[in-house]
Amino acid sequence: MEIEFSHHSMERKTQRNDYFLPSTKYIDNKKIIPNLKNIMIRKGTWYKKDDLDGLTRYYCIVNNLEVYCGILIDSYDPYILITTYYPYSSKLKRRLFPRGKENYERFDIGVKV
């Protein structure tokens, strides 16, 4: 499965300097995308959950520092669209794995680097 990034996620990347691969300009992000995909595939722990409204949500946690959030785009060639980024925190961990409710399940992205 392929990974793509939305304009919002790349714009948010320039607003924050706590990324593994920080950049200060939007145009620099185009050069960083292959490296970021590689890090997400090799070091990321992927989780997914099917919502009642038909969306499949994905979260990629990289080294317990960064969380990339995305959705499945179901087309002829399906791919994961990363929509935003959050720094990893205990608040986000409670959101992903609430007690007494259905949790996100671990997912193997299945992409060879």
C-alpha atoms as a PDB file:
ATOM      1  CA  MET A   1       0.000   0.000   0.000  1.00  0.00           C
ATOM      2  CA  GLU A   2       1.294   3.431  -0.935  1.00  0.00           C
ATOM      3  CA  ILE A   3       1.540   6.437   1.405  1.00  0.00           C
ATOM      4  CA  GLU A   4       0.648   9.981   0.286  1.00  0.00           C
ATOM      5  CA  PHE A   5       0.652  13.268   2.211  1.00  0.00           C
ATOM      6  CA  SER A   6      -2.010  15.981   2.169  1.00  0.00           C
ATOM      7  CA  HIS A   7      -1.218  19.670   1.792  1.00  0.00           C
ATOM      8  CA  HIS A   8      -2.285  20.248   5.415  1.00  0.00           C
ATOM      9  CA  SER A   9       0.124  17.662   6.808  1.00  0.00           C
ATOM     10  CA  MET A  10       3.043  19.136   4.878  1.00  0.00           C
ATOM     11  CA  GLU A  11       2.092  22.659   5.905  1.00  0.00           C
ATOM     12  CA  ARG A  12       1.903  21.569   9.546  1.00  0.00           C
ATOM     13  CA  LYS A  13       5.368  20.064   9.172  1.00  0.00           C
ATOM     14  CA  THR A  14       6.819  23.512   8.467  1.00  0.00           C
ATOM     15  CA  GLN A  15       5.075  24.971  11.542  1.00  0.00           C
ATOM     16  CA  ARG A  16       6.724  22.531  13.941  1.00  0.00           C
ATOM     17  CA  ASN A  17      10.430  21.925  14.493  1.00  0.00           C
ATOM     18  CA  ASP A  18      10.149  18.696  16.502  1.00  0.00           C
ATOM     19  CA  TYR A  19      10.069  16.356  13.503  1.00  0.00           C
ATOM     20  CA  PHE A  20      12.760  13.805  12.721  1.00  0.00           C
ATOM     21  CA  LEU A  21      13.250  15.637   9.427  1.00  0.00           C
ATOM     22  CA  PRO A  22      12.391  19.301  10.133  1.00  0.00           C
ATOM     23  CA  SER A  23      12.018  21.838   7.338  1.00  0.00           C
ATOM     24  CA  THR A  24      11.284  25.537   7.388  1.00  0.00           C
ATOM     25  CA  LYS A  25       9.819  25.929   3.897  1.00  0.00           C
ATOM     26  CA  TYR A  26       6.964  24.142   2.191  1.00  0.00           C
ATOM     27  CA  ILE A  27       9.064  23.536  -0.933  1.00  0.00           C
ATOM     28  CA  ASP A  28      11.686  21.672   1.140  1.00  0.00           C
ATOM     29  CA  ASN A  29       9.044  19.142   2.149  1.00  0.00           C
ATOM     30  CA  LYS A  30       8.898  17.745  -1.397  1.00  0.00           C
ATOM     31  CA  LYS A  31      12.536  16.666  -1.039  1.00  0.00           C
ATOM     32  CA  ILE A  32      11.951  15.127   2.412  1.00  0.00           C
ATOM     33  CA  ILE A  33       8.870  13.015   1.546  1.00  0.00           C
ATOM     34  CA  PRO A  34      10.800   9.900   0.343  1.00  0.00           C
ATOM     35  CA  ASN A  35      12.884   9.877   3.537  1.00  0.00           C
ATOM     36  CA  LEU A  36       9.800  10.400   5.701  1.00  0.00           C
ATOM     37  CA  LYS A  37       7.968   7.527   3.968  1.00  0.00           C
ATOM     38  CA  ASN A  38      10.999   5.313   4.539  1.00  0.00           C
ATOM     39  CA  ILE A  39      11.088   6.167   8.270  1.00  0.00           C
ATOM     40  CA  MET A  40       7.342   5.545   8.611  1.00  0.00           C
ATOM     41  CA  ILE A  41       7.617   2.134   6.932  1.00  0.00           C
ATOM     42  CA  ARG A  42      10.755   0.951   8.743  1.00  0.00           C
ATOM     43  CA  LYS A  43      10.272   2.426  12.226  1.00  0.00           C
ATOM     44  CA  GLY A  44       6.552   3.099  12.428  1.00  0.00           C
ATOM     45  CA  THR A  45       3.999   1.039  14.305  1.00  0.00           C
ATOM     46  CA  TRP A  46       0.754   1.117  12.344  1.00  0.00           C
ATOM     47  CA  TYR A  47      -2.773   0.877  13.785  1.00  0.00           C
ATOM     48  CA  LYS A  48      -6.121   0.881  12.015  1.00  0.00           C
ATOM     49  CA  LYS A  49      -9.795   1.038  12.890  1.00  0.00           C
ATOM     50  CA  ASP A  50     -12.922   0.840  10.741  1.00  0.00           C
ATOM     51  CA  ASP A  51     -15.431   3.498  11.738  1.00  0.00           C
ATOM     52  CA  LEU A  52     -19.191   3.209  11.520  1.00  0.00           C
ATOM     53  CA  ASP A  53     -19.295   5.856   8.781  1.00  0.00           C
ATOM     54  CA  GLY A  54     -17.225   3.657   6.456  1.00  0.00           C
ATOM     55  CA  LEU A  55     -13.850   5.345   6.911  1.00  0.00           C
ATOM     56  CA  THR A  56     -10.761   3.342   7.737  1.00  0.00           C
ATOM     57  CA  ARG A  57      -8.488   5.394   9.988  1.00  0.00           C
ATOM     58  CA  TYR A  58      -4.777   4.782  10.331  1.00  0.00           C
ATOM     59  CA  TYR A  59      -2.252   5.953  12.896  1.00  0.00           C
ATOM     60  CA  CYS A  60       1.496   5.534  12.534  1.00  0.00           C
ATOM     61  CA  ILE A  61       3.500   5.980  15.743  1.00  0.00           C
ATOM     62  CA  VAL A  62       7.210   6.540  15.104  1.00  0.00           C
ATOM     63  CA  ASN A  63       9.546   5.873  18.056  1.00  0.00           C
ATOM     64  CA  ASN A  64       6.858   7.036  20.537  1.00  0.00           C
ATOM     65  CA  LEU A  65       7.619  10.611  19.438  1.00  0.00           C
ATOM     66  CA  GLU A  66       5.437  11.313  16.427  1.00  0.00           C
ATOM     67  CA  VAL A  67       1.959  10.224  15.372  1.00  0.00           C
ATOM     68  CA  TYR A  68       0.856  10.506  11.764  1.00  0.00           C
ATOM     69  CA  CYS A  69      -2.896  10.269  11.193  1.00  0.00           C
ATOM     70  CA  GLY A  70      -4.439   9.182   7.917  1.00  0.00           C
ATOM     71  CA  ILE A  71      -7.368   7.622   6.129  1.00  0.00           C
ATOM     72  CA  LEU A  72      -7.697   4.951   3.447  1.00  0.00           C
ATOM     73  CA  ILE A  73      -8.509   6.260  -0.019  1.00  0.00           C
ATOM     74  CA  ASP A  74     -10.308   3.412  -1.754  1.00  0.00           C
ATOM     75  CA  SER A  75      -9.698   3.785  -5.464  1.00  0.00           C
ATOM     76  CA  TYR A  76      -8.358   1.580  -8.252  1.00  0.00           C
ATOM     77  CA  ASP A  77      -4.996   1.600  -6.474  1.00  0.00           C
ATOM     78  CA  PRO A  78      -5.765   2.155  -2.742  1.00  0.00           C
ATOM     79  CA  TYR A  79      -3.419   4.279  -0.666  1.00  0.00           C
ATOM     80  CA  ILE A  80      -3.159   5.854   2.782  1.00  0.00           C
ATOM     81  CA  LEU A  81      -3.524   9.638   2.808  1.00  0.00           C
ATOM     82  CA  ILE A  82      -1.705  11.166   5.788  1.00  0.00           C
ATOM     83  CA  THR A  83      -3.843  14.107   6.849  1.00  0.00           C
ATOM     84  CA  THR A  84      -2.119  15.500   9.939  1.00  0.00           C
ATOM     85  CA  TYR A  85       0.592  15.058  12.558  1.00  0.00           C
ATOM     86  CA  TYR A  86       0.645  15.151  16.360  1.00  0.00           C
ATOM     87  CA  PRO A  87       3.487  14.821  18.842  1.00  0.00           C
ATOM     88  CA  TYR A  88       3.051  11.611  20.839  1.00  0.00           C
ATOM     89  CA  SER A  89       1.671  12.206  24.332  1.00  0.00           C
ATOM     90  CA  SER A  90      -0.168  10.317  27.048  1.00  0.00           C
ATOM     91  CA  LYS A  91      -3.367  12.172  26.049  1.00  0.00           C
ATOM     92  CA  LEU A  92      -3.100  10.823  22.511  1.00  0.00           C
ATOM     93  CA  LYS A  93      -2.336   7.342  23.852  1.00  0.00           C
ATOM     94  CA  ARG A  94      -5.594   7.423  25.868  1.00  0.00           C
ATOM     95  CA  ARG A  95      -7.424   8.467  22.703  1.00  0.00           C
ATOM     96  CA  LEU A  96      -5.991   5.566  20.709  1.00  0.00           C
ATOM     97  CA  PHE A  97      -6.460   2.965  23.431  1.00  0.00           C
ATOM     98  CA  PRO A  98      -9.426   3.929  25.654  1.00  0.00           C
ATOM     99  CA  ARG A  99     -10.229   1.588  28.505  1.00  0.00           C
ATOM    100  CA  GLY A 100     -13.374  -0.457  28.101  1.00  0.00           C
ATOM    101  CA  LYS A 101     -13.847   0.425  24.415  1.00  0.00           C
ATOM    102  CA  GLU A 102     -12.804  -1.028  21.108  1.00  0.00           C
ATOM    103  CA  ASN A 103      -9.171  -0.188  20.431  1.00  0.00           C
ATOM    104  CA  TYR A 104      -7.209   0.308  17.255  1.00  0.00           C
ATOM    105  CA  GLU A 105      -5.729  -2.939  15.999  1.00  0.00           C
ATOM    106  CA  ARG A 106      -2.125  -3.356  14.914  1.00  0.00           C
ATOM    107  CA  PHE A 107      -1.637  -3.364  11.172  1.00  0.00           C
ATOM    108  CA  ASP A 108       1.228  -4.441   8.897  1.00  0.00           C
ATOM    109  CA  ILE A 109       1.508  -1.928   6.085  1.00  0.00           C
ATOM    110  CA  GLY A 110       3.127  -4.525   3.809  1.00  0.00           C
ATOM    111  CA  VAL A 111       5.431  -2.206   1.856  1.00  0.00           C
ATOM    112  CA  LYS A 112       8.974  -3.284   1.078  1.00  0.00           C
ATOM    113  CA  VAL A 113      11.695  -0.638   1.391  1.00  0.00           C
END
